[in-house]
Protein backbone atom coordinates (compact mmCIF):
# COMPACT_ATOMS: atom_id res chain seq x y z
CA MET A 1 0.00 0.00 0.00
CA HIS A 2 1.19 3.52 -0.78
CA ARG A 3 2.78 5.42 2.11
CA CYS A 4 0.30 8.28 1.99
CA ARG A 5 -2.55 5.82 2.58
CA ALA A 6 -0.92 4.17 5.60
CA ARG A 7 -2.87 4.47 8.82
CA ILE A 8 -0.84 5.96 11.66
CA LEU A 9 -1.65 5.20 15.30
CA LEU A 10 -1.79 8.42 17.27
CA LEU A 11 -2.05 8.44 21.06
CA ALA A 12 -4.69 6.11 22.48
CA LEU A 13 -7.53 8.08 21.01
CA GLY A 14 -7.85 6.21 17.76
CA ALA A 15 -6.30 6.11 14.33
CA ALA A 16 -5.86 8.92 11.86
CA THR A 17 -5.10 8.64 8.18
CA ALA A 18 -2.29 10.60 6.59
CA GLN A 19 -4.29 12.41 3.94
CA CYS A 20 -2.69 13.24 0.66
CA GLY A 21 -3.38 13.30 -2.99
CA GLY A 22 -2.92 15.14 -6.19
CA THR A 23 -3.73 15.15 -9.86
CA ILE A 24 -1.91 15.93 -13.09
CA GLN A 25 -3.75 17.21 -16.12
CA SER A 26 -2.52 17.63 -19.66
CA LEU A 27 -3.60 20.97 -21.08
CA GLY A 28 -3.57 19.62 -24.63
CA GLY A 29 -2.62 21.81 -27.58
CA LEU A 30 -4.07 24.15 -30.18
CA VAL A 31 -5.35 22.68 -33.42
CA ASN A 32 -2.48 21.97 -35.81
CA GLY A 33 -3.76 20.57 -39.07
CA GLY A 34 -5.73 17.45 -38.24
CA ASP A 35 -4.06 17.08 -34.84
CA THR A 36 -2.97 19.23 -31.90
CA GLY A 37 0.43 20.84 -31.58
CA PRO A 38 2.95 20.72 -28.74
CA SER A 39 2.32 23.15 -25.87
CA TYR A 40 4.36 24.89 -23.18
CA ALA A 41 3.07 26.59 -19.99
CA PHE A 42 4.81 29.58 -18.40
CA GLY A 43 2.34 31.51 -16.22
CA ILE A 44 -0.45 30.72 -13.76
CA SER A 45 -2.98 32.86 -11.90
CA ALA A 46 -2.95 33.00 -8.10
CA ASP A 47 -5.91 30.63 -7.78
CA GLY A 48 -4.50 28.18 -10.34
CA LEU A 49 -7.52 28.47 -12.63
CA VAL A 50 -5.79 30.28 -15.51
CA VAL A 51 -2.65 29.02 -17.27
CA VAL A 52 -0.87 30.76 -20.14
CA GLY A 53 1.84 29.74 -22.57
CA TRP A 54 2.08 28.90 -26.26
CA SER A 55 1.28 26.03 -28.59
CA GLN A 56 2.15 25.21 -32.18
CA ALA A 57 -1.03 25.93 -34.13
CA THR A 58 -1.72 25.37 -37.83
CA ALA A 59 -0.61 28.86 -38.88
CA GLY A 60 2.33 29.07 -36.48
CA PRO A 61 3.16 29.38 -32.76
CA GLU A 62 0.30 31.00 -30.84
CA GLY A 63 -0.10 32.18 -27.27
CA PHE A 64 -2.88 30.57 -25.29
CA ARG A 65 -4.99 31.08 -22.19
CA TRP A 66 -6.31 27.90 -20.56
CA THR A 67 -9.11 27.54 -18.01
CA PRO A 68 -10.85 24.40 -16.70
CA VAL A 69 -14.10 25.49 -18.33
CA ALA A 70 -12.98 26.77 -21.74
CA GLY A 71 -9.84 24.65 -22.15
CA MET A 72 -7.01 26.03 -24.28
CA VAL A 73 -7.97 29.13 -26.29
CA GLY A 74 -5.58 30.86 -28.71
CA LEU A 75 -4.93 34.59 -28.25
CA GLY A 76 -4.23 35.37 -31.90
CA ASP A 77 -1.70 38.05 -32.85
CA LEU A 78 -1.44 41.66 -34.00
CA PRO A 79 -2.00 42.53 -37.67
CA GLY A 80 0.97 42.77 -40.03
CA GLY A 81 4.23 40.85 -39.89
CA GLY A 82 4.41 37.11 -39.42
CA VAL A 83 1.90 34.86 -37.71
CA ALA A 84 3.19 34.19 -34.20
CA SER A 85 2.53 35.00 -30.55
CA TYR A 86 3.86 33.75 -27.22
CA ALA A 87 2.25 34.26 -23.80
CA ASN A 88 4.83 34.56 -20.99
CA GLY A 89 2.96 35.83 -17.93
CA VAL A 90 -0.48 36.36 -16.40
CA SER A 91 -1.87 38.60 -13.67
CA ALA A 92 -2.91 37.18 -10.30
CA ASP A 93 -6.59 37.37 -11.24
CA GLY A 94 -6.00 35.76 -14.64
CA GLN A 95 -7.54 38.69 -16.53
CA THR A 96 -4.35 40.06 -18.12
CA VAL A 97 -1.83 38.15 -20.24
CA VAL A 98 1.51 39.49 -21.54
CA GLY A 99 4.03 38.24 -24.07
CA ARG A 100 5.28 38.96 -27.58
CA THR A 101 3.84 38.80 -31.07
CA GLU A 102 4.73 39.65 -34.64
CA SER A 103 3.26 42.92 -35.87
CA ALA A 104 3.72 45.51 -38.60
CA SER A 105 6.36 47.14 -36.35
CA GLY A 106 8.44 43.98 -35.87
CA THR A 107 8.43 41.70 -32.85
CA GLU A 108 6.30 43.57 -30.32
CA ALA A 109 5.40 43.16 -26.66
CA PHE A 110 1.68 42.75 -26.08
CA ARG A 111 -0.83 43.04 -23.27
CA TRP A 112 -4.03 41.04 -23.65
CA THR A 113 -7.11 41.50 -21.45
CA VAL A 114 -10.35 39.60 -21.19
CA THR A 115 -12.32 42.73 -22.04
CA GLY A 116 -10.05 44.38 -24.59
CA GLY A 117 -8.16 41.62 -26.36
CA MET A 118 -4.57 42.09 -27.54
CA ALA A 119 -2.82 45.46 -27.72
CA GLY A 120 0.77 46.21 -28.70
CA LEU A 121 2.98 48.03 -26.20
CA GLY A 122 5.46 49.46 -28.71
CA GLY A 123 9.21 49.65 -28.22
CA LEU A 124 12.01 51.90 -26.98
CA SER A 125 13.31 52.61 -30.49
CA ASP A 126 11.81 53.39 -33.86
CA ALA A 127 10.23 50.53 -35.78
CA PRO A 128 11.19 47.93 -36.73
CA TYR A 129 12.10 46.94 -33.24
CA TYR A 130 12.11 43.97 -30.89
CA SER A 131 10.19 44.14 -27.63
CA GLU A 132 8.83 41.43 -25.38
CA ALA A 133 6.80 41.41 -22.15
CA TRP A 134 7.70 38.77 -19.59
CA GLY A 135 5.66 39.50 -16.50
CA THR A 136 2.84 41.56 -15.06
CA SER A 137 1.85 42.78 -11.62
CA ALA A 138 -1.03 41.22 -9.70
CA ASN A 139 -3.58 43.68 -11.11
CA GLY A 140 -2.13 43.70 -14.64
CA TRP A 141 -1.30 47.42 -14.50
CA SER A 142 2.50 47.11 -14.52
CA VAL A 143 4.33 45.09 -17.17
CA ALA A 144 8.04 44.19 -17.25
CA GLY A 145 9.88 43.43 -20.46
CA ILE A 146 12.78 44.08 -22.78
CA SER A 147 13.17 46.24 -25.86
CA THR A 148 15.93 47.06 -28.30
CA THR A 149 17.26 50.60 -28.30
CA ALA A 150 19.76 52.42 -30.49
CA ALA A 151 22.51 51.35 -28.06
CA SER A 152 21.58 47.94 -26.64
CA PRO A 153 18.66 45.91 -25.27
CA GLU A 154 17.10 47.60 -22.25
CA MET A 155 14.56 46.64 -19.62
CA PHE A 156 11.26 48.48 -19.56
CA ARG A 157 8.32 48.96 -17.24
CA TRP A 158 4.94 49.71 -18.79
CA THR A 159 1.97 51.29 -17.03
CA PRO A 160 -1.28 52.68 -18.47
CA VAL A 161 -0.30 56.17 -17.27
CA ASN A 162 3.34 56.36 -18.43
CA GLY A 163 3.37 53.81 -21.22
CA LEU A 164 6.65 52.07 -22.07
CA VAL A 165 9.51 53.53 -20.02
CA GLY A 166 13.13 52.35 -20.28
CA LEU A 167 14.75 51.83 -16.90
CA GLY A 168 18.23 52.88 -18.03
CA GLY A 169 21.18 52.89 -15.64
CA ARG A 170 22.55 49.39 -15.21
CA THR A 171 19.70 47.69 -17.07
CA PRO A 172 21.16 47.96 -20.61
CA ASP A 173 22.26 44.63 -22.11
CA VAL A 174 19.49 42.89 -20.18
CA PHE A 175 17.97 39.80 -21.68
CA ARG A 176 15.17 37.45 -20.80
CA PRO A 177 13.64 36.15 -18.69
CA MET A 178 12.45 38.73 -16.21
CA ARG A 179 9.89 38.56 -13.46
CA ILE A 180 7.90 41.26 -11.66
CA SER A 181 6.46 41.33 -8.13
CA ASN A 182 2.76 41.57 -7.36
CA ASN A 183 2.98 45.30 -6.58
CA GLY A 184 4.95 46.01 -9.77
CA ASN A 185 7.83 47.65 -7.91
CA THR A 186 10.45 44.86 -8.12
CA ILE A 187 11.78 43.30 -11.31
CA ALA A 188 14.37 40.51 -11.54
CA ALA A 189 16.28 39.77 -14.74
CA THR A 190 19.64 38.72 -16.21
CA ARG A 191 22.09 41.06 -17.92
CA PHE A 192 25.39 40.85 -19.75
CA PHE A 193 28.23 41.65 -17.37
CA THR A 194 30.05 44.24 -19.47
CA PRO A 195 32.82 44.31 -20.62
CA SER A 196 33.14 40.50 -20.40
CA THR A 197 30.72 38.00 -21.87
CA ALA A 198 29.57 36.83 -18.43
CA VAL A 199 25.97 37.29 -17.33
CA ARG A 200 24.60 38.35 -13.94
CA ALA A 201 21.29 38.06 -12.14
CA PHE A 202 20.11 41.44 -10.90
CA VAL A 203 17.12 43.14 -9.35
CA TRP A 204 15.57 46.53 -10.07
CA THR A 205 13.34 48.19 -7.51
CA PHE A 206 11.30 51.35 -7.78
CA GLU A 207 13.03 52.71 -4.67
CA SER A 208 16.68 51.67 -5.22
CA GLY A 209 17.22 51.09 -8.92
CA ALA A 210 19.29 48.12 -10.13
CA PHE A 211 21.77 46.01 -8.18
CA ASP A 212 23.45 42.67 -8.89
CA MET A 213 22.80 39.55 -6.85
CA PRO A 214 25.98 38.54 -4.97
CA VAL A 215 27.79 35.38 -6.10
CA PRO A 216 30.79 33.39 -4.79
CA GLU A 217 34.17 34.03 -6.39
CA GLU A 218 34.18 30.78 -8.33
CA VAL A 219 30.89 31.59 -10.08
CA THR A 220 31.31 32.69 -13.70
CA ASP A 221 27.66 33.43 -14.49
CA SER A 222 24.33 33.75 -12.72
CA GLU A 223 20.80 33.93 -14.10
CA VAL A 224 17.25 34.64 -12.98
CA GLY A 225 14.58 31.97 -13.25
CA GLY A 226 11.82 33.41 -11.09
CA LEU A 227 10.69 35.87 -8.40
CA SER A 228 8.39 35.49 -5.41
CA VAL A 229 5.16 37.45 -5.42
CA ASP A 230 6.48 39.85 -2.74
CA GLY A 231 9.86 40.34 -4.46
CA ARG A 232 11.84 38.95 -1.48
CA TYR A 233 13.05 35.76 -3.16
CA VAL A 234 14.93 35.69 -6.46
CA LEU A 235 15.19 32.25 -8.08
CA GLY A 236 17.84 31.17 -10.56
CA GLY A 237 21.09 29.35 -11.20
CA LEU A 238 24.82 29.74 -10.52
CA TYR A 239 27.33 28.65 -13.18
CA THR A 240 30.90 27.53 -12.58
CA LEU A 241 33.39 25.82 -14.88
CA SER A 242 31.98 22.45 -13.78
CA GLY A 243 28.25 23.13 -14.14
CA ALA A 244 25.34 25.05 -12.64
CA SER A 245 23.50 24.83 -9.33
CA ALA A 246 19.94 25.95 -8.71
CA CYS A 247 19.76 28.69 -6.10
CA TYR A 248 17.77 31.47 -4.55
CA TRP A 249 18.60 34.85 -3.07
CA ARG A 250 16.62 36.23 -0.14
CA ILE A 251 16.47 40.02 -0.06
CA ASP A 252 16.07 41.50 3.40
CA GLU A 253 18.35 43.99 5.12
CA THR A 254 21.07 41.94 3.44
CA VAL A 255 20.99 39.64 0.41
CA ASP A 256 21.53 35.99 1.36
CA LEU A 257 22.35 33.27 -1.17
CA VAL A 258 21.25 29.63 -0.78
CA GLN A 259 22.52 27.01 -3.22
CA LEU A 260 20.20 24.07 -3.91
CA GLY A 261 22.48 21.90 -6.04
CA THR A 262 21.33 19.59 -8.84
CA LEU A 263 19.68 16.22 -9.17
CA SER A 264 22.10 13.30 -9.16
CA GLY A 265 23.82 12.93 -12.51
CA ASP A 266 22.96 16.42 -13.77
CA VAL A 267 25.34 19.33 -14.26
CA VAL A 268 22.83 22.19 -14.74
CA ALA A 269 19.83 23.15 -12.59
CA VAL A 270 17.78 26.36 -12.39
CA ALA A 271 15.08 27.26 -9.85
CA GLN A 272 11.95 28.72 -11.45
CA ALA A 273 9.26 29.32 -8.82
CA ILE A 274 8.84 29.52 -5.05
CA ARG A 275 5.95 29.27 -2.63
CA ALA A 276 5.17 32.56 -0.90
CA ASP A 277 6.66 31.40 2.41
CA GLY A 278 9.92 30.30 0.74
CA HIS A 279 9.60 26.65 1.81
CA LEU A 280 8.85 24.99 -1.53
CA ILE A 281 10.71 25.51 -4.82
CA VAL A 282 10.34 23.99 -8.28
CA GLY A 283 12.46 24.20 -11.42
CA TYR A 284 14.49 21.95 -13.67
CA SER A 285 17.70 19.94 -13.38
CA GLY A 286 19.02 18.70 -16.70
CA ASP A 287 15.87 17.55 -18.49
CA ARG A 288 13.91 16.72 -15.32
CA ALA A 289 11.52 18.87 -13.29
CA PHE A 290 12.45 19.08 -9.62
CA ILE A 291 10.79 19.98 -6.34
CA TRP A 292 12.74 21.15 -3.25
CA ASP A 293 12.00 21.71 0.41
CA PRO A 294 14.36 22.50 3.33
CA VAL A 295 14.06 19.04 4.94
CA ARG A 296 14.22 16.64 1.99
CA GLY A 297 16.21 18.78 -0.40
CA MET A 298 15.90 18.39 -4.17
CA ARG A 299 13.92 15.48 -5.64
CA THR A 300 12.48 14.78 -9.05
CA LEU A 301 8.94 16.07 -9.30
CA TRP A 302 8.06 12.70 -10.83
CA SER A 303 9.15 10.73 -7.75
CA ALA A 304 7.46 13.16 -5.35
CA LEU A 305 4.15 12.86 -7.19
CA VAL A 306 4.26 9.06 -7.32
CA ASN A 307 5.72 8.28 -3.90
CA ASP A 308 4.32 11.09 -1.74
CA TYR A 309 1.02 12.06 -3.37
CA GLY A 310 -0.03 8.82 -5.04
CA VAL A 311 -0.45 10.51 -8.42
CA SER A 312 -0.74 8.21 -11.41
CA LEU A 313 1.54 9.33 -14.24
CA ASN A 314 0.13 6.89 -16.77
CA GLY A 315 0.22 8.55 -20.16
CA TRP A 316 3.42 10.48 -19.41
CA GLN A 317 7.02 9.62 -20.30
CA THR A 318 8.74 12.56 -18.60
CA LEU A 319 8.14 15.78 -16.69
CA ASP A 320 10.80 18.06 -18.16
CA ILE A 321 10.33 21.47 -16.54
CA ALA A 322 8.33 22.96 -13.68
CA SER A 323 8.03 26.60 -14.72
CA ALA A 324 5.60 28.25 -12.28
CA MET A 325 3.64 27.67 -9.07
CA THR A 326 0.80 29.40 -7.27
CA PRO A 327 1.78 31.37 -4.13
CA ASP A 328 0.22 28.72 -1.86
CA GLY A 329 2.07 25.88 -3.62
CA ARG A 330 -1.14 24.08 -4.53
CA PHE A 331 -0.74 24.25 -8.32
CA ILE A 332 2.41 23.63 -10.38
CA ILE A 333 2.70 24.01 -14.14
CA GLY A 334 5.28 23.11 -16.73
CA HIS A 335 5.69 20.76 -19.66
CA GLY A 336 6.62 17.15 -20.23
CA ARG A 337 6.50 14.42 -22.81
CA ARG A 338 3.42 12.27 -23.27
CA SER A 339 3.46 8.56 -24.07
CA ASN A 340 2.94 9.40 -27.75
CA GLY A 341 6.13 11.49 -27.70
CA ARG A 342 4.37 14.87 -27.93
CA THR A 343 5.41 17.67 -25.60
CA GLU A 344 2.42 19.05 -23.70
CA ALA A 345 1.82 21.56 -20.93
CA TYR A 346 0.60 20.18 -17.62
CA ARG A 347 -1.10 21.48 -14.49
CA ILE A 348 -0.58 19.64 -11.18
CA GLU A 349 -2.87 20.13 -8.19
CA LEU A 350 -1.67 18.99 -4.75
CA SER A 351 -3.69 18.43 -1.59
CA LEU A 352 -2.22 20.68 1.12
CA GLY A 353 -4.20 19.76 4.23
CA GLY A 354 -5.81 22.18 6.65
CA GLY A 355 -3.07 24.75 7.26
CA THR A 356 -1.43 25.76 10.55
CA GLY A 357 -1.66 23.00 13.16
CA ASP A 358 -2.98 20.32 10.80
CA MET A 359 0.02 18.03 11.18
CA ASN A 360 -1.59 14.83 9.90
CA CYS A 361 -3.20 16.57 6.92
CA ASP A 362 -6.70 15.28 7.59
CA GLY A 363 -8.19 18.75 7.09
CA ALA A 364 -8.80 19.37 10.81
CA VAL A 365 -6.81 20.56 13.82
CA ASN A 366 -7.42 18.38 16.86
CA VAL A 367 -5.71 16.06 19.38
CA LEU A 368 -4.72 13.71 16.57
CA ASP A 369 -2.20 16.36 15.48
CA ILE A 370 -0.27 16.35 18.79
CA ASN A 371 2.04 13.40 18.10
CA PRO A 372 2.79 14.47 14.50
CA PHE A 373 3.57 17.97 15.80
CA ALA A 374 6.06 16.54 18.29
CA GLN A 375 7.58 14.37 15.55
CA ALA A 376 8.01 17.43 13.31
CA LEU A 377 9.93 19.23 16.06
CA LEU A 378 12.09 16.29 17.13
CA ASN A 379 12.80 14.48 13.86
CA PRO A 380 11.70 16.21 10.63
CA SER A 381 12.93 13.36 8.42
CA ALA A 382 10.92 10.81 10.39
CA TYR A 383 7.88 13.11 10.20
CA TYR A 384 8.06 13.09 6.40
CA GLN A 385 8.39 9.29 6.43
CA LEU A 386 4.99 9.13 8.12
CA PHE A 387 3.37 12.07 6.35
CA PRO A 388 5.19 12.48 3.01
CA SER A 389 2.60 14.76 1.42
CA CYS A 390 2.07 16.99 4.45
CA ASP A 391 3.77 20.34 4.96
CA ILE A 392 6.02 20.32 8.01
CA PHE A 393 5.67 24.11 8.19
CA ASN A 394 2.09 23.64 9.35
CA ALA A 395 3.93 23.32 12.69
CA ASP A 396 5.22 26.89 12.39
CA ALA A 397 2.48 28.14 14.67
CA ASN A 398 4.20 31.43 15.51
CA HIS A 399 4.84 32.12 11.80
CA ASP A 400 8.50 33.03 12.16
CA GLY A 401 9.63 30.79 9.29
CA SER A 402 11.08 28.06 11.52
CA VAL A 403 9.78 24.92 13.21
CA ASP A 404 11.15 24.80 16.76
CA VAL A 405 10.24 24.87 20.46
CA LEU A 406 8.98 28.43 20.12
CA ASP A 407 6.00 26.97 18.23
CA ILE A 408 4.80 24.81 21.13
CA ASN A 409 2.73 27.38 23.02
CA PRO A 410 1.23 28.90 19.82
CA PHE A 411 0.34 25.36 18.65
CA VAL A 412 -1.49 24.77 21.92
CA VAL A 413 -3.40 28.01 21.37
CA VAL A 414 -4.40 26.88 17.86
CA LEU A 415 -5.46 23.50 19.23
CA GLU A 416 -7.56 25.01 22.02
CA SER A 417 -9.26 27.44 19.64
CA GLN A 418 -10.81 24.64 17.60
């Protein structure tokens, strides 16, 4: 029997079941001749009900917006130029999508809304130009992207009031990808490290401008893969002469770097998305999607789904990349290879339990959570052996980001309040 279905004896008050579960759903593809084309997912709304990306359609690559009700719907493109569009990001409410398309002015950043459709954002130089939008704020009113200029590629921030504004300073020579925080005031991206050919991860804030993320001396390059919704965590990778390690930077009064490593046998890994509390990260290592937490470290997403959540992966050959995650960690998107060999976007939904104090993940906080709480404090690895799909940080009852003895009294308060 699967571990997550094992019944665990707790106290003398009866038995509780370690609840877990999850699902994986292929998002399909846009119509391509008499079949459907490959698809790739890059952005997800905060509630997990809207996914955006692109798929190979009959006429060419086309951005899409997927919902459980409507399925995958193509966004079209702007008139003029070639037939192509790519959706890179979506607002928290799922109502605004950003990306790039071909237009009469060249390759142009776009902003698409449910009510207004697709509109070009222009560029920082005269047409023909190249511009691309990579992320949008929670309300869709700030857009981050890149545009060519007369000198070099430059990062921009678009708002309805000011339009497309180049950020100048140390943002020239920036290149994709870039991510923007929910409030639109923090942007993370990668830039060429002039005058060498190295590249560096950096952050731009509305208050402080641009600054590079610190790296160890042996690191030759660093890149951005993602950004937390509050702008505190920057996800990415560190490159040395022997390979690349996934990593994240935490921005507080100082900037702290944490290296996550790679999956066994791989030489390159990049972190792409992080849960809002910083305790769950997804990305890719080599050609495999990974999931990471502070206790168990980096594992393949495939093995976590099968062994911890009991998810059937029948119909899939591989899960290649995990590209985004909702702030609560419930939904993960990316792409993988189906049994027929076609690459398709996926959406994973995980069961998270009942939140703070629910240590056995049965959806309730009661006396049956006391022993699992003690196990989480005393032996985190053993806790995950018993409750592999639960979140050990449900024990963080004082919400300081750690699970320790300081959580005991707050846990008792939570227990008594039920």
